Amino acid sequence: MRKGGPTADAYAKRLQAQGITGISHYCAGLNFMNRAKFASRDKTEKRFNLQSAIGEFGYVLGHSAPNATGLPTIRAQKDLAETMLKPR
């Protein structure tokens, strides 16, 4: 069983069944996004968290089956991180 208990394990298996590879990278990307949104204390920390999220999501997008069901959601998360990274 993975960290997070049976619910997390069931979610991981469902993503794998959809053709998603690198589920731990997807979860790490989500964690970095949340840190960027809610816990970053300054611009440098926020930039680091967003760049890390982009890299984690990029790993999943690059290693998953091209027709995997969940890819549009992961692409949207990556796009959001890229948009948040752009200076205003």
C-alpha atoms as a PDB file:
ATOM      1  CA  MET A   1       0.000   0.000   0.000  1.00  0.00           C
ATOM      2  CA  ARG A   2       1.240   3.482  -0.829  1.00  0.00           C
ATOM      3  CA  LYS A   3       1.451   6.428   1.480  1.00  0.00           C
ATOM      4  CA  GLY A   4      -2.073   7.800   1.712  1.00  0.00           C
ATOM      5  CA  GLY A   5      -3.852   4.516   2.322  1.00  0.00           C
ATOM      6  CA  PRO A   6      -6.247   2.477   0.240  1.00  0.00           C
ATOM      7  CA  THR A   7      -7.954   5.482  -1.334  1.00  0.00           C
ATOM      8  CA  ALA A   8      -4.676   6.815  -2.739  1.00  0.00           C
ATOM      9  CA  ASP A   9      -3.742   3.338  -3.929  1.00  0.00           C
ATOM     10  CA  ALA A  10      -7.086   2.920  -5.728  1.00  0.00           C
ATOM     11  CA  TYR A  11      -6.664   6.349  -7.379  1.00  0.00           C
ATOM     12  CA  ALA A  12      -3.162   5.429  -8.565  1.00  0.00           C
ATOM     13  CA  LYS A  13      -4.411   2.162 -10.044  1.00  0.00           C
ATOM     14  CA  ARG A  14      -7.221   3.987 -11.847  1.00  0.00           C
ATOM     15  CA  LEU A  15      -4.759   6.435 -13.412  1.00  0.00           C
ATOM     16  CA  GLN A  16      -2.465   3.603 -14.474  1.00  0.00           C
ATOM     17  CA  ALA A  17      -5.413   1.826 -16.093  1.00  0.00           C
ATOM     18  CA  GLN A  18      -6.060   5.018 -18.110  1.00  0.00           C
ATOM     19  CA  GLY A  19      -2.504   4.912 -19.490  1.00  0.00           C
ATOM     20  CA  ILE A  20      -0.969   7.489 -17.163  1.00  0.00           C
ATOM     21  CA  THR A  21       2.693   6.827 -16.333  1.00  0.00           C
ATOM     22  CA  GLY A  22       4.528   8.491 -13.450  1.00  0.00           C
ATOM     23  CA  ILE A  23       1.691   8.979 -11.019  1.00  0.00           C
ATOM     24  CA  SER A  24       4.085  10.009  -8.268  1.00  0.00           C
ATOM     25  CA  HIS A  25       5.260  12.845 -10.552  1.00  0.00           C
ATOM     26  CA  TYR A  26       1.666  13.982 -11.057  1.00  0.00           C
ATOM     27  CA  CYS A  27       1.101  14.039  -7.302  1.00  0.00           C
ATOM     28  CA  ALA A  28       4.368  15.916  -6.771  1.00  0.00           C
ATOM     29  CA  GLY A  29       3.272  18.445  -9.391  1.00  0.00           C
ATOM     30  CA  LEU A  30       0.006  18.998  -7.555  1.00  0.00           C
ATOM     31  CA  ASN A  31       1.914  19.496  -4.302  1.00  0.00           C
ATOM     32  CA  PHE A  32       4.183  22.079  -5.926  1.00  0.00           C
ATOM     33  CA  MET A  33       1.127  23.873  -7.358  1.00  0.00           C
ATOM     34  CA  ASN A  34      -0.481  24.038  -3.921  1.00  0.00           C
ATOM     35  CA  ARG A  35       2.731  25.355  -2.409  1.00  0.00           C
ATOM     36  CA  ALA A  36       2.936  28.018  -5.111  1.00  0.00           C
ATOM     37  CA  LYS A  37      -0.676  29.063  -4.550  1.00  0.00           C
ATOM     38  CA  PHE A  38      -0.889  28.922  -0.779  1.00  0.00           C
ATOM     39  CA  ALA A  39       2.476  28.594   0.956  1.00  0.00           C
ATOM     40  CA  SER A  40       5.088  30.527  -1.019  1.00  0.00           C
ATOM     41  CA  ARG A  41       6.515  33.347   1.059  1.00  0.00           C
ATOM     42  CA  ASP A  42       8.141  35.302  -1.760  1.00  0.00           C
ATOM     43  CA  LYS A  43       8.489  35.454  -5.548  1.00  0.00           C
ATOM     44  CA  THR A  44      11.609  33.273  -5.601  1.00  0.00           C
ATOM     45  CA  GLU A  45       9.921  30.464  -3.693  1.00  0.00           C
ATOM     46  CA  LYS A  46       6.782  30.747  -5.812  1.00  0.00           C
ATOM     47  CA  ARG A  47       8.855  30.599  -9.019  1.00  0.00           C
ATOM     48  CA  PHE A  48      10.700  27.514  -7.770  1.00  0.00           C
ATOM     49  CA  ASN A  49       7.418  25.765  -6.936  1.00  0.00           C
ATOM     50  CA  LEU A  50       5.854  26.610 -10.295  1.00  0.00           C
ATOM     51  CA  GLN A  51       8.923  25.524 -12.272  1.00  0.00           C
ATOM     52  CA  SER A  52       9.005  22.291 -10.284  1.00  0.00           C
ATOM     53  CA  ALA A  53       5.306  21.682 -10.979  1.00  0.00           C
ATOM     54  CA  ILE A  54       5.867  22.257 -14.700  1.00  0.00           C
ATOM     55  CA  GLY A  55       8.689  19.735 -14.700  1.00  0.00           C
ATOM     56  CA  GLU A  56       6.683  17.106 -12.830  1.00  0.00           C
ATOM     57  CA  PHE A  57       3.650  17.496 -15.097  1.00  0.00           C
ATOM     58  CA  GLY A  58       5.948  17.470 -18.120  1.00  0.00           C
ATOM     59  CA  TYR A  59       7.372  14.125 -17.037  1.00  0.00           C
ATOM     60  CA  VAL A  60       3.919  12.566 -16.939  1.00  0.00           C
ATOM     61  CA  LEU A  61       2.926  14.084 -20.271  1.00  0.00           C
ATOM     62  CA  GLY A  62       6.132  12.849 -21.874  1.00  0.00           C
ATOM     63  CA  HIS A  63       5.958   9.293 -20.549  1.00  0.00           C
ATOM     64  CA  SER A  64       2.255   8.455 -20.683  1.00  0.00           C
ATOM     65  CA  ALA A  65       0.382   6.866 -23.541  1.00  0.00           C
ATOM     66  CA  PRO A  66      -0.592   9.601 -26.036  1.00  0.00           C
ATOM     67  CA  ASN A  67      -4.252   8.586 -25.813  1.00  0.00           C
ATOM     68  CA  ALA A  68      -4.380   8.345 -21.998  1.00  0.00           C
ATOM     69  CA  THR A  69      -7.719   9.526 -20.656  1.00  0.00           C
ATOM     70  CA  GLY A  70      -6.395  11.912 -17.978  1.00  0.00           C
ATOM     71  CA  LEU A  71      -3.861  13.800 -20.095  1.00  0.00           C
ATOM     72  CA  PRO A  72      -6.073  16.853 -20.765  1.00  0.00           C
ATOM     73  CA  THR A  73      -6.351  17.453 -17.005  1.00  0.00           C
ATOM     74  CA  ILE A  74      -2.595  17.168 -16.541  1.00  0.00           C
ATOM     75  CA  ARG A  75      -1.984  19.438 -19.539  1.00  0.00           C
ATOM     76  CA  ALA A  76      -4.366  21.991 -18.026  1.00  0.00           C
ATOM     77  CA  GLN A  77      -2.450  21.916 -14.728  1.00  0.00           C
ATOM     78  CA  LYS A  78       0.838  22.445 -16.587  1.00  0.00           C
ATOM     79  CA  ASP A  79      -0.679  25.309 -18.597  1.00  0.00           C
ATOM     80  CA  LEU A  80      -1.939  26.926 -15.386  1.00  0.00           C
ATOM     81  CA  ALA A  81       1.511  26.703 -13.799  1.00  0.00           C
ATOM     82  CA  GLU A  82       3.063  28.253 -16.921  1.00  0.00           C
ATOM     83  CA  THR A  83       0.504  31.075 -16.877  1.00  0.00           C
ATOM     84  CA  MET A  84       1.122  31.737 -13.187  1.00  0.00           C
ATOM     85  CA  LEU A  85       4.878  31.864 -13.876  1.00  0.00           C
ATOM     86  CA  LYS A  86       4.593  34.640 -16.470  1.00  0.00           C
ATOM     87  CA  PRO A  87       5.294  38.117 -15.129  1.00  0.00           C
ATOM     88  CA  ARG A  88       2.342  40.446 -15.000  1.00  0.00           C
END
